[in-house]
Amino acid sequence: MKVVSALAAVRHLLDTGTVRRGDTLLDSSSGIYAYALALACHRYGMRCHIVGSTTVDHTLRTQLAVLGATLEQMEPCSDLKLDQKRRVERIHEILAEHPEYHWMRQYHDDIHYLGYRAIADRIREATRAAGPDGTAGLTVVGGVGSGASTGALARYLRAAPGGPADVRLVGVQPYGSVTFGAEHVSDPEIIIAGIGSSIPFGNVSHELYDTLHWISFDAALAGSVDLLRRHAVFAGLSTGAGYLAARHERERTPGRTVLFIAADTGHRYVDTVYARHREAAPLAALAPRDVTDRSELALPWSRMEWNRAPAEAGAADSYVPAR
């Protein structure tokens, strides 16, 4: 998913003279972005240094090595919130040692929105092909994460002339994420890496989101397993969560076109998710709890109308504006 984002960001940095070929690009990642940045650096002749989550597996480590990236992986840690915090702290240590490195700031710089403009154009054409009314109501569903994918798609789809007349954005979050104020509810399994955050993210535009779903590990596991069984799509845990939310939104508003983002493949979730397929609840047994206030959030699945409200104080750090 983040390959288009990383390629566009690195290309922009080169075109504007912010970096030059041969420079080192640095960032933290739980997996997908590390691979994307390594690919972009390999294409454009850059060096790549990744501070990786404890969740980075052997397959990804091998891919990064083939692409010439340097990986510093955090020590095993059962608390992914602490893992994320330690990665960011390590980034600052590296920058102090190597001020010539360029920090990509995937969590804070909305330069990472740029690559999704082309994807929005493809979505616009695909929904237009569905018929004259195909673009009248489009609902985009996906993990919030750093804000780059779902936020960027909504921004470009809403802004383009001749685009969908009505674009709703539905964000998916794990419990424990601070981005939309769910840090007071913990998931006994894990915080789903990639779609939530234990620290404020500066490039999440809260005012782009219409609706939020908070989905637990167990519910996302059920979604991932059902997606493979029903549609032969082998995807990651955040995709399972997005699939659940998308199915529900489609049932609530059957007249709209609903598109959800499948962020990555399921290979790194074989042991943690797919090996536990017998534990998966049938989707018919799962439904969100509709809440009007975040104090009402409860496992395993909650839904709330966000109504494009701005971020509250402390929910976002400052970031560099989009170019």
Protein backbone atom coordinates (compact mmCIF):
# COMPACT_ATOMS: atom_id res chain seq x y z
CA MET A 1 0.00 0.00 0.00
CA LYS A 2 2.73 2.47 0.92
CA VAL A 3 4.90 1.88 -2.13
CA VAL A 4 3.06 4.59 -4.09
CA SER A 5 3.46 6.94 -1.15
CA ALA A 6 7.18 6.33 -0.66
CA LEU A 7 7.99 6.56 -4.38
CA ALA A 8 6.21 9.89 -4.75
CA ALA A 9 7.74 11.31 -1.57
CA VAL A 10 11.32 10.39 -2.51
CA ARG A 11 10.84 11.62 -6.07
CA HIS A 12 9.55 14.93 -4.73
CA LEU A 13 12.48 15.32 -2.35
CA LEU A 14 14.91 14.75 -5.22
CA ASP A 15 13.08 17.08 -7.59
CA THR A 16 13.05 19.90 -5.03
CA GLY A 17 16.72 19.43 -4.10
CA THR A 18 15.94 18.52 -0.52
CA VAL A 19 18.03 15.36 -0.94
CA ARG A 20 20.48 14.09 -3.51
CA ARG A 21 21.20 10.63 -4.89
CA GLY A 22 23.43 8.77 -2.48
CA ASP A 23 21.96 10.43 0.63
CA THR A 24 20.60 8.32 3.47
CA LEU A 25 16.87 8.33 4.16
CA LEU A 26 15.81 7.34 7.67
CA ASP A 27 12.54 6.29 9.24
CA SER A 28 10.76 3.99 11.69
CA SER A 29 8.36 1.28 10.57
CA SER A 30 6.38 -1.72 11.73
CA GLY A 31 6.73 -3.34 8.32
CA ILE A 32 4.97 -2.09 5.22
CA TYR A 33 6.59 1.34 5.08
CA ALA A 34 10.07 -0.15 5.61
CA TYR A 35 9.65 -2.26 2.49
CA ALA A 36 8.18 0.66 0.53
CA LEU A 37 10.99 3.06 1.48
CA ALA A 38 13.64 0.43 0.72
CA LEU A 39 12.14 -0.05 -2.76
CA ALA A 40 12.05 3.71 -3.37
CA CYS A 41 15.64 4.16 -2.21
CA HIS A 42 16.79 1.27 -4.39
CA ARG A 43 15.05 2.79 -7.43
CA TYR A 44 16.48 6.28 -6.92
CA GLY A 45 19.99 5.40 -5.75
CA MET A 46 19.54 6.37 -2.11
CA ARG A 47 20.68 4.69 1.08
CA CYS A 48 17.94 3.47 3.43
CA HIS A 49 18.13 3.13 7.22
CA ILE A 50 15.14 1.62 9.02
CA VAL A 51 14.44 1.41 12.74
CA GLY A 52 12.12 -1.56 12.70
CA SER A 53 9.45 -2.79 15.05
CA THR A 54 9.86 -5.99 16.99
CA THR A 55 7.14 -7.34 14.65
CA VAL A 56 9.41 -7.26 11.56
CA ASP A 57 9.72 -10.93 10.52
CA HIS A 58 12.35 -13.00 8.74
CA THR A 59 10.72 -12.57 5.32
CA LEU A 60 10.82 -8.78 5.53
CA ARG A 61 14.34 -8.76 6.96
CA THR A 62 15.46 -10.77 3.95
CA GLN A 63 13.70 -8.45 1.49
CA LEU A 64 15.28 -5.38 3.11
CA ALA A 65 18.71 -7.00 2.93
CA VAL A 66 18.29 -7.78 -0.78
CA LEU A 67 17.34 -4.14 -1.40
CA GLY A 68 20.43 -2.92 0.47
CA ALA A 69 18.61 -1.31 3.38
CA THR A 70 20.07 -1.16 6.88
CA LEU A 71 17.70 -2.46 9.55
CA GLU A 72 17.91 -1.81 13.27
CA GLN A 73 15.24 -3.96 14.88
CA MET A 74 13.93 -3.30 18.36
CA GLU A 75 14.39 -6.00 20.97
CA PRO A 76 11.38 -8.28 21.55
CA CYS A 77 8.66 -6.44 23.44
CA SER A 78 5.15 -7.56 24.38
CA ASP A 79 3.93 -3.94 24.50
CA LEU A 80 3.70 -2.48 20.99
CA LYS A 81 3.03 0.96 22.48
CA LEU A 82 6.45 0.85 24.12
CA ASP A 83 7.94 -0.54 20.91
CA GLN A 84 6.66 2.44 18.93
CA LYS A 85 7.94 4.93 21.50
CA ARG A 86 11.37 3.33 21.57
CA ARG A 87 11.63 3.42 17.78
CA VAL A 88 10.98 7.16 17.66
CA GLU A 89 13.50 7.75 20.46
CA ARG A 90 16.08 5.78 18.48
CA ILE A 91 15.41 7.91 15.40
CA HIS A 92 16.35 11.02 17.38
CA GLU A 93 19.54 9.34 18.60
CA ILE A 94 20.56 8.46 15.05
CA LEU A 95 19.86 12.00 13.84
CA ALA A 96 22.07 13.38 16.61
CA GLU A 97 24.87 11.07 15.42
CA HIS A 98 24.18 11.65 11.70
CA PRO A 99 22.59 15.06 11.10
CA GLU A 100 23.15 14.57 7.37
CA TYR A 101 20.49 11.82 7.28
CA HIS A 102 17.05 12.85 6.07
CA TRP A 103 14.20 11.74 8.33
CA MET A 104 11.19 10.85 6.19
CA ARG A 105 8.76 11.56 9.05
CA GLN A 106 6.06 9.22 7.77
CA TYR A 107 4.04 9.95 10.91
CA HIS A 108 4.30 13.72 10.70
CA ASP A 109 4.83 15.00 7.16
CA ASP A 110 1.97 14.96 4.69
CA ILE A 111 4.39 14.77 1.79
CA HIS A 112 3.31 11.13 2.06
CA TYR A 113 -0.12 12.12 0.76
CA LEU A 114 1.26 12.91 -2.69
CA GLY A 115 1.42 9.38 -4.10
CA TYR A 116 -2.27 8.75 -3.53
CA ARG A 117 -3.38 11.37 -6.05
CA ALA A 118 -2.92 8.84 -8.87
CA ILE A 119 -4.80 6.19 -6.87
CA ALA A 120 -7.68 8.62 -6.34
CA ASP A 121 -7.78 9.20 -10.10
CA ARG A 122 -8.05 5.44 -10.68
CA ILE A 123 -10.82 5.14 -8.11
CA ARG A 124 -12.69 8.00 -9.74
CA GLU A 125 -12.54 6.32 -13.13
CA ALA A 126 -13.50 2.90 -11.76
CA THR A 127 -16.55 4.21 -9.91
CA ARG A 128 -17.60 6.33 -12.88
CA ALA A 129 -17.52 3.19 -15.03
CA ALA A 130 -20.14 1.63 -12.76
CA GLY A 131 -22.77 3.94 -14.24
CA PRO A 132 -23.91 7.56 -14.30
CA ASP A 133 -24.82 7.39 -10.62
CA GLY A 134 -21.81 5.32 -9.58
CA THR A 135 -19.98 8.29 -8.14
CA ALA A 136 -22.97 9.86 -6.42
CA GLY A 137 -22.14 8.17 -3.14
CA LEU A 138 -18.71 6.70 -2.40
CA THR A 139 -17.61 5.45 1.01
CA VAL A 140 -13.87 4.89 1.51
CA VAL A 141 -12.93 2.59 4.41
CA GLY A 142 -9.45 1.90 5.75
CA GLY A 143 -7.01 2.09 8.62
CA VAL A 144 -6.15 5.58 9.80
CA GLY A 145 -2.52 4.85 10.65
CA SER A 146 -0.35 7.83 9.76
CA GLY A 147 -3.24 9.38 7.86
CA ALA A 148 -1.57 9.18 4.49
CA SER A 149 -3.67 6.57 2.71
CA THR A 150 -7.27 7.12 3.77
CA GLY A 151 -6.87 10.83 4.43
CA ALA A 152 -5.12 11.46 1.13
CA LEU A 153 -7.66 9.51 -0.90
CA ALA A 154 -10.55 11.42 0.64
CA ARG A 155 -8.82 14.76 0.14
CA TYR A 156 -8.09 14.14 -3.55
CA LEU A 157 -11.45 12.53 -4.31
CA ARG A 158 -13.35 15.41 -2.74
CA ALA A 159 -11.27 18.12 -4.39
CA ALA A 160 -11.16 16.90 -7.98
CA PRO A 161 -13.50 18.46 -10.55
CA GLY A 162 -15.95 15.87 -11.81
CA GLY A 163 -15.24 13.58 -8.89
CA PRO A 164 -17.73 11.81 -6.64
CA ALA A 165 -20.48 14.13 -5.46
CA ASP A 166 -20.42 12.64 -1.99
CA VAL A 167 -17.34 10.99 -0.50
CA ARG A 168 -17.58 9.64 3.04
CA LEU A 169 -14.43 8.58 4.85
CA VAL A 170 -14.59 5.80 7.43
CA GLY A 171 -11.45 5.33 9.51
CA VAL A 172 -10.51 2.12 11.31
CA GLN A 173 -8.62 2.26 14.59
CA PRO A 174 -7.44 -0.28 17.16
CA TYR A 175 -8.24 0.09 20.84
CA GLY A 176 -5.43 1.80 22.71
CA SER A 177 -4.69 4.26 19.90
CA VAL A 178 -4.35 7.90 20.95
CA THR A 179 -5.18 9.34 17.51
CA PHE A 180 -8.92 9.57 18.09
CA GLY A 181 -8.85 9.22 21.88
CA ALA A 182 -9.15 5.49 22.58
CA GLU A 183 -6.05 5.15 24.72
CA HIS A 184 -8.19 4.43 27.80
CA VAL A 185 -9.41 1.10 26.35
CA SER A 186 -6.77 -1.60 25.97
CA ASP A 187 -6.91 -4.70 23.83
CA PRO A 188 -5.75 -7.79 25.74
CA GLU A 189 -4.12 -9.08 22.56
CA ILE A 190 -2.24 -6.25 20.78
CA ILE A 191 -2.60 -2.78 19.35
CA ILE A 192 -2.86 -3.53 15.62
CA ALA A 193 0.37 -2.15 14.19
CA GLY A 194 0.01 0.22 11.27
CA ILE A 195 -3.52 1.56 11.81
CA GLY A 196 -3.18 3.02 15.31
CA SER A 197 -0.68 4.92 17.36
CA SER A 198 0.55 5.23 20.91
CA ILE A 199 1.99 8.68 20.12
CA PRO A 200 0.38 11.70 18.42
CA PHE A 201 0.71 11.65 14.63
CA GLY A 202 1.09 14.99 12.91
CA ASN A 203 -0.24 14.14 9.46
CA VAL A 204 -3.64 12.76 10.45
CA SER A 205 -6.26 15.28 9.31
CA HIS A 206 -9.04 14.50 11.77
CA GLU A 207 -11.48 16.76 9.97
CA LEU A 208 -11.47 14.44 6.92
CA TYR A 209 -13.17 11.56 8.75
CA ASP A 210 -16.93 11.06 8.89
CA THR A 211 -17.09 7.83 10.88
CA LEU A 212 -14.74 5.76 13.02
CA HIS A 213 -14.67 2.06 13.84
CA TRP A 214 -12.57 0.75 16.73
CA ILE A 215 -11.93 -2.96 16.14
CA SER A 216 -10.19 -5.43 18.43
CA PHE A 217 -7.61 -8.04 17.47
CA ASP A 218 -10.13 -10.87 17.82
CA ALA A 219 -12.68 -9.17 15.57
CA ALA A 220 -10.03 -8.29 12.98
CA LEU A 221 -8.83 -11.91 13.06
CA ALA A 222 -12.36 -13.04 12.25
CA GLY A 223 -12.48 -10.56 9.38
CA SER A 224 -9.16 -11.72 7.92
CA VAL A 225 -10.13 -15.39 8.10
CA ASP A 226 -13.54 -14.76 6.52
CA LEU A 227 -11.98 -12.68 3.74
CA LEU A 228 -9.73 -15.59 2.80
CA ARG A 229 -12.51 -18.18 3.00
CA ARG A 230 -15.16 -16.12 1.24
CA HIS A 231 -13.12 -14.15 -1.31
CA ALA A 232 -9.72 -15.92 -1.51
CA VAL A 233 -7.97 -12.71 -0.42
CA PHE A 234 -4.97 -13.46 1.82
CA ALA A 235 -4.33 -10.18 3.59
CA GLY A 236 -3.13 -8.71 6.86
CA LEU A 237 -4.84 -7.93 10.12
CA SER A 238 -5.66 -4.31 9.32
CA THR A 239 -7.35 -5.53 6.14
CA GLY A 240 -9.51 -7.88 8.19
CA ALA A 241 -10.55 -4.92 10.32
CA GLY A 242 -11.27 -2.78 7.26
CA TYR A 243 -13.27 -5.61 5.69
CA LEU A 244 -15.47 -5.84 8.80
CA ALA A 245 -16.10 -2.09 8.81
CA ALA A 246 -16.76 -2.00 5.05
CA ARG A 247 -19.29 -4.83 5.21
CA HIS A 248 -21.14 -3.03 7.99
CA GLU A 249 -21.17 0.32 6.19
CA ARG A 250 -22.46 -1.41 3.04
CA GLU A 251 -25.32 -2.97 5.02
CA ARG A 252 -26.23 0.41 6.55
CA THR A 253 -26.22 2.25 3.23
CA PRO A 254 -26.84 -0.28 0.45
CA GLY A 255 -27.20 2.40 -2.20
CA ARG A 256 -23.60 3.59 -1.90
CA THR A 257 -20.40 2.26 -3.42
CA VAL A 258 -18.09 1.09 -0.62
CA LEU A 259 -14.36 0.73 -1.21
CA PHE A 260 -11.95 -0.53 1.45
CA ILE A 261 -8.18 -0.63 1.51
CA ALA A 262 -6.34 -3.95 1.79
CA ALA A 263 -3.01 -2.67 3.02
CA ASP A 264 -0.75 -5.73 2.80
CA THR A 265 -0.60 -9.48 2.29
CA GLY A 266 -1.14 -11.98 5.07
CA HIS A 267 2.30 -13.59 5.06
CA ARG A 268 3.59 -12.02 8.26
CA TYR A 269 0.35 -12.96 10.02
CA VAL A 270 0.49 -16.70 9.36
CA ASP A 271 1.43 -17.63 12.93
CA THR A 272 -0.29 -14.83 14.82
CA VAL A 273 -3.60 -14.78 12.92
CA TYR A 274 -4.17 -17.54 10.38
CA ALA A 275 -2.85 -20.36 12.57
CA ARG A 276 -5.63 -19.37 14.98
CA HIS A 277 -8.39 -19.67 12.38
CA ARG A 278 -10.41 -22.05 14.54
CA GLU A 279 -10.86 -19.20 17.05
CA ALA A 280 -12.46 -16.94 14.43
CA ALA A 281 -16.00 -15.91 15.30
CA PRO A 282 -18.57 -16.08 12.49
CA LEU A 283 -19.15 -12.61 11.09
CA ALA A 284 -22.88 -12.95 11.68
CA ALA A 285 -22.09 -12.93 15.41
CA LEU A 286 -20.20 -9.63 15.19
CA ALA A 287 -21.70 -6.15 15.10
CA PRO A 288 -20.42 -2.78 16.28
CA ARG A 289 -21.65 -1.01 19.35
CA ASP A 290 -22.81 2.45 18.25
CA VAL A 291 -21.53 5.10 20.65
CA THR A 292 -21.88 8.85 20.84
CA ASP A 293 -18.98 9.47 23.20
CA ARG A 294 -15.57 7.81 23.50
CA SER A 295 -16.23 7.06 27.17
CA GLU A 296 -18.66 4.43 25.85
CA LEU A 297 -16.06 2.55 23.79
CA ALA A 298 -15.96 -1.18 24.50
CA LEU A 299 -14.44 -4.30 23.01
CA PRO A 300 -14.65 -5.94 20.56
CA TRP A 301 -16.07 -3.37 18.12
CA SER A 302 -17.40 0.16 18.46
CA ARG A 303 -18.61 2.68 15.90
CA MET A 304 -18.98 6.44 16.25
CA GLU A 305 -19.94 9.32 13.97
CA TRP A 306 -16.94 11.67 13.97
CA ASN A 307 -18.60 14.22 11.66
CA ARG A 308 -15.31 15.70 10.41
CA ALA A 309 -14.49 17.24 13.77
CA PRO A 310 -11.01 18.76 14.14
CA ALA A 311 -8.34 17.24 16.34
CA GLU A 312 -8.45 17.99 20.02
CA ALA A 313 -5.50 19.67 21.71
CA GLY A 314 -2.61 17.25 22.00
CA ALA A 315 -3.99 14.77 19.48
CA ALA A 316 -1.55 15.81 16.76
CA ASP A 317 1.97 17.14 16.55
CA SER A 318 2.99 19.89 14.17
CA TYR A 319 3.92 18.76 10.68
CA VAL A 320 5.37 20.08 7.46
CA PRO A 321 2.59 21.19 5.05
CA ALA A 322 2.09 19.28 1.82
CA ARG A 323 4.07 20.52 -1.16
